[in-house]
Amino acid sequence: MAHILAIDDDADILHILTEVLTGDGHTVDTAENGKVGLKLTELNDYDLIITDMLMPEMDGIETIMAIRGKSRTTRIIVLTGGSAVIDKSYLLATAKAIKANKVLSKPIDLKELKATVNELLAS
C-alpha cells in the first residue's frame, strides 16, 4: 500500500489519521508541524502528504510551497478548520491556489477522507 505523511499540530488528529490509514494497510509517518514534515520528506519518499493549514513553526502554506518546489507530482491533501481570525473558506481557497490536490474541512469526515485518499492514490 502507500507511504503517507500526516502533518498536524493536533496530536488527536494525527492519532485518528494514523489509525484510519494504517487500518487500510498504509504506512503512516507523522509530524507535528511543517518544519518537521519537510525534514521527513528529505528522508523518505511519500505517495501522499496530508497537512493541516494552521500550525506553529511552519504553516501549511509554507509547507505546501516547499513541497511543490521539490515535486509537482507529490499528492497533497489539506485539512483545515479555520481559526477565530482566518475564515475557513479563505484557507480552503488558498490551499487550492497553491496546488493542493484536495482540500477537506475539519472536523474530518472519515468516509470522505478514505475516499479522497483512495482517489488520489489511484491517479
C-alpha atoms as a PDB file:
ATOM      1  CA  MET A   1       0.000   0.000   0.000  1.00  0.00           C
ATOM      2  CA  ALA A   2       1.012   3.675   0.223  1.00  0.00           C
ATOM      3  CA  HIS A   3       3.540   5.545   2.350  1.00  0.00           C
ATOM      4  CA  ILE A   4       1.731   8.595   3.761  1.00  0.00           C
ATOM      5  CA  LEU A   5       2.961  11.594   5.756  1.00  0.00           C
ATOM      6  CA  ALA A   6       0.446  13.281   8.075  1.00  0.00           C
ATOM      7  CA  ILE A   7       1.349  16.773   9.338  1.00  0.00           C
ATOM      8  CA  ASP A   8      -0.771  18.404  12.056  1.00  0.00           C
ATOM      9  CA  ASP A   9      -0.108  20.169  15.349  1.00  0.00           C
ATOM     10  CA  ASP A  10      -3.077  18.382  16.958  1.00  0.00           C
ATOM     11  CA  ALA A  11      -1.936  15.030  18.377  1.00  0.00           C
ATOM     12  CA  ASP A  12      -5.526  13.732  18.345  1.00  0.00           C
ATOM     13  CA  ILE A  13      -5.837  14.388  14.601  1.00  0.00           C
ATOM     14  CA  LEU A  14      -2.520  12.623  13.959  1.00  0.00           C
ATOM     15  CA  HIS A  15      -3.723   9.665  16.020  1.00  0.00           C
ATOM     16  CA  ILE A  16      -7.008   9.456  14.084  1.00  0.00           C
ATOM     17  CA  LEU A  17      -5.245   9.723  10.720  1.00  0.00           C
ATOM     18  CA  THR A  18      -2.730   7.055  11.718  1.00  0.00           C
ATOM     19  CA  GLU A  19      -5.423   4.655  12.977  1.00  0.00           C
ATOM     20  CA  VAL A  20      -7.669   5.078   9.934  1.00  0.00           C
ATOM     21  CA  LEU A  21      -4.907   4.911   7.319  1.00  0.00           C
ATOM     22  CA  THR A  22      -2.917   2.059   8.865  1.00  0.00           C
ATOM     23  CA  GLY A  23      -6.223   0.224   9.216  1.00  0.00           C
ATOM     24  CA  ASP A  24      -6.479   0.454   5.427  1.00  0.00           C
ATOM     25  CA  GLY A  25      -2.966  -1.027   5.083  1.00  0.00           C
ATOM     26  CA  HIS A  26      -0.952   2.158   4.581  1.00  0.00           C
ATOM     27  CA  THR A  27       2.288   3.097   6.333  1.00  0.00           C
ATOM     28  CA  VAL A  28       1.947   6.464   8.090  1.00  0.00           C
ATOM     29  CA  ASP A  29       4.628   8.815   9.385  1.00  0.00           C
ATOM     30  CA  THR A  30       3.608  11.847  11.426  1.00  0.00           C
ATOM     31  CA  ALA A  31       4.968  15.337  12.049  1.00  0.00           C
ATOM     32  CA  GLU A  32       3.735  17.994  14.463  1.00  0.00           C
ATOM     33  CA  ASN A  33       4.454  20.891  12.096  1.00  0.00           C
ATOM     34  CA  GLY A  34       5.607  21.675   8.571  1.00  0.00           C
ATOM     35  CA  LYS A  35       9.239  22.072   9.553  1.00  0.00           C
ATOM     36  CA  VAL A  36       9.410  18.518  10.895  1.00  0.00           C
ATOM     37  CA  GLY A  37       7.330  17.309   7.951  1.00  0.00           C
ATOM     38  CA  LEU A  38       9.756  18.783   5.425  1.00  0.00           C
ATOM     39  CA  LYS A  39      12.680  17.089   7.169  1.00  0.00           C
ATOM     40  CA  LEU A  40      10.837  13.792   6.802  1.00  0.00           C
ATOM     41  CA  THR A  41      10.320  14.435   3.064  1.00  0.00           C
ATOM     42  CA  GLU A  42      14.093  14.684   2.721  1.00  0.00           C
ATOM     43  CA  LEU A  43      14.496  11.240   4.294  1.00  0.00           C
ATOM     44  CA  ASN A  44      11.547   9.418   2.708  1.00  0.00           C
ATOM     45  CA  ASP A  45       9.535   9.274  -0.482  1.00  0.00           C
ATOM     46  CA  TYR A  46       5.821   9.686   0.181  1.00  0.00           C
ATOM     47  CA  ASP A  47       2.954   8.683  -2.051  1.00  0.00           C
ATOM     48  CA  LEU A  48       0.684  11.190  -0.307  1.00  0.00           C
ATOM     49  CA  ILE A  49       1.011  14.031   2.187  1.00  0.00           C
ATOM     50  CA  ILE A  50      -1.860  15.200   4.386  1.00  0.00           C
ATOM     51  CA  THR A  51      -1.252  18.556   6.050  1.00  0.00           C
ATOM     52  CA  ASP A  52      -3.073  20.986   8.291  1.00  0.00           C
ATOM     53  CA  MET A  53      -3.060  24.656   7.269  1.00  0.00           C
ATOM     54  CA  LEU A  54      -2.594  26.392  10.621  1.00  0.00           C
ATOM     55  CA  MET A  55       0.420  25.153  12.599  1.00  0.00           C
ATOM     56  CA  PRO A  56       3.306  26.614  14.593  1.00  0.00           C
ATOM     57  CA  GLU A  57       6.880  26.694  13.227  1.00  0.00           C
ATOM     58  CA  MET A  58       5.810  26.366   9.578  1.00  0.00           C
ATOM     59  CA  ASP A  59       2.208  26.580   8.412  1.00  0.00           C
ATOM     60  CA  GLY A  60       0.547  24.552   5.688  1.00  0.00           C
ATOM     61  CA  ILE A  61       1.004  27.213   3.020  1.00  0.00           C
ATOM     62  CA  GLU A  62       4.771  27.334   3.536  1.00  0.00           C
ATOM     63  CA  THR A  63       4.887  23.553   3.752  1.00  0.00           C
ATOM     64  CA  ILE A  64       2.977  23.009   0.506  1.00  0.00           C
ATOM     65  CA  MET A  65       5.032  25.630  -1.334  1.00  0.00           C
ATOM     66  CA  ALA A  66       8.258  23.944  -0.186  1.00  0.00           C
ATOM     67  CA  ILE A  67       6.977  20.521  -1.241  1.00  0.00           C
ATOM     68  CA  ARG A  68       5.841  21.889  -4.609  1.00  0.00           C
ATOM     69  CA  GLY A  69       9.288  23.446  -5.045  1.00  0.00           C
ATOM     70  CA  LYS A  70      10.744  19.941  -4.897  1.00  0.00           C
ATOM     71  CA  SER A  71       7.978  17.964  -6.596  1.00  0.00           C
ATOM     72  CA  ARG A  72       4.982  18.878  -8.706  1.00  0.00           C
ATOM     73  CA  THR A  73       3.714  15.285  -8.590  1.00  0.00           C
ATOM     74  CA  THR A  74       3.514  14.625  -4.839  1.00  0.00           C
ATOM     75  CA  ARG A  75      -0.165  14.315  -3.978  1.00  0.00           C
ATOM     76  CA  ILE A  76      -1.290  16.643  -1.174  1.00  0.00           C
ATOM     77  CA  ILE A  77      -4.476  16.764   0.865  1.00  0.00           C
ATOM     78  CA  VAL A  78      -5.063  19.841   3.016  1.00  0.00           C
ATOM     79  CA  LEU A  79      -7.134  19.734   6.193  1.00  0.00           C
ATOM     80  CA  THR A  80      -8.376  22.913   7.812  1.00  0.00           C
ATOM     81  CA  GLY A  81     -10.893  24.023  10.340  1.00  0.00           C
ATOM     82  CA  GLY A  82     -10.113  27.707  10.061  1.00  0.00           C
ATOM     83  CA  SER A  83      -9.500  29.873  13.113  1.00  0.00           C
ATOM     84  CA  ALA A  84     -11.011  32.727  15.051  1.00  0.00           C
ATOM     85  CA  VAL A  85      -9.027  35.143  12.863  1.00  0.00           C
ATOM     86  CA  ILE A  86      -8.911  33.460   9.445  1.00  0.00           C
ATOM     87  CA  ASP A  87     -12.043  32.212   7.696  1.00  0.00           C
ATOM     88  CA  LYS A  88     -12.047  28.546   6.675  1.00  0.00           C
ATOM     89  CA  SER A  89     -13.218  29.326   3.117  1.00  0.00           C
ATOM     90  CA  TYR A  90     -10.212  31.641   2.631  1.00  0.00           C
ATOM     91  CA  LEU A  91      -7.844  28.894   3.784  1.00  0.00           C
ATOM     92  CA  LEU A  92      -9.502  26.353   1.507  1.00  0.00           C
ATOM     93  CA  ALA A  93      -9.234  28.693  -1.497  1.00  0.00           C
ATOM     94  CA  THR A  94      -5.588  29.427  -0.680  1.00  0.00           C
ATOM     95  CA  ALA A  95      -4.770  25.713  -0.498  1.00  0.00           C
ATOM     96  CA  LYS A  96      -6.292  25.170  -3.939  1.00  0.00           C
ATOM     97  CA  ALA A  97      -4.391  28.156  -5.337  1.00  0.00           C
ATOM     98  CA  ILE A  98      -1.050  26.728  -4.234  1.00  0.00           C
ATOM     99  CA  LYS A  99      -1.818  23.426  -5.911  1.00  0.00           C
ATOM    100  CA  ALA A 100      -3.042  21.134  -3.166  1.00  0.00           C
ATOM    101  CA  ASN A 101      -4.733  18.204  -4.888  1.00  0.00           C
ATOM    102  CA  LYS A 102      -7.679  18.097  -2.498  1.00  0.00           C
ATOM    103  CA  VAL A 103      -8.919  20.183   0.395  1.00  0.00           C
ATOM    104  CA  LEU A 104     -11.013  18.778   3.236  1.00  0.00           C
ATOM    105  CA  SER A 105     -12.677  20.595   6.108  1.00  0.00           C
ATOM    106  CA  LYS A 106     -12.346  19.752   9.774  1.00  0.00           C
ATOM    107  CA  PRO A 107     -13.931  18.093  11.572  1.00  0.00           C
ATOM    108  CA  ILE A 108     -12.783  15.230   9.386  1.00  0.00           C
ATOM    109  CA  ASP A 109     -15.409  13.069   7.713  1.00  0.00           C
ATOM    110  CA  LEU A 110     -13.623   9.699   7.773  1.00  0.00           C
ATOM    111  CA  LYS A 111     -15.580   8.315   4.801  1.00  0.00           C
ATOM    112  CA  GLU A 112     -14.646  11.371   2.745  1.00  0.00           C
ATOM    113  CA  LEU A 113     -11.024  11.119   3.887  1.00  0.00           C
ATOM    114  CA  LYS A 114     -10.763   7.456   2.872  1.00  0.00           C
ATOM    115  CA  ALA A 115     -12.437   8.117  -0.485  1.00  0.00           C
ATOM    116  CA  THR A 116     -10.119  11.069  -1.163  1.00  0.00           C
ATOM    117  CA  VAL A 117      -7.012   9.085  -0.237  1.00  0.00           C
ATOM    118  CA  ASN A 118      -8.080   6.215  -2.483  1.00  0.00           C
ATOM    119  CA  GLU A 119      -8.901   8.588  -5.343  1.00  0.00           C
ATOM    120  CA  LEU A 120      -5.526  10.344  -5.198  1.00  0.00           C
ATOM    121  CA  LEU A 121      -3.532   7.132  -4.844  1.00  0.00           C
ATOM    122  CA  ALA A 122      -5.327   5.675  -7.876  1.00  0.00           C
ATOM    123  CA  SER A 123      -4.466   8.690 -10.065  1.00  0.00           C
END
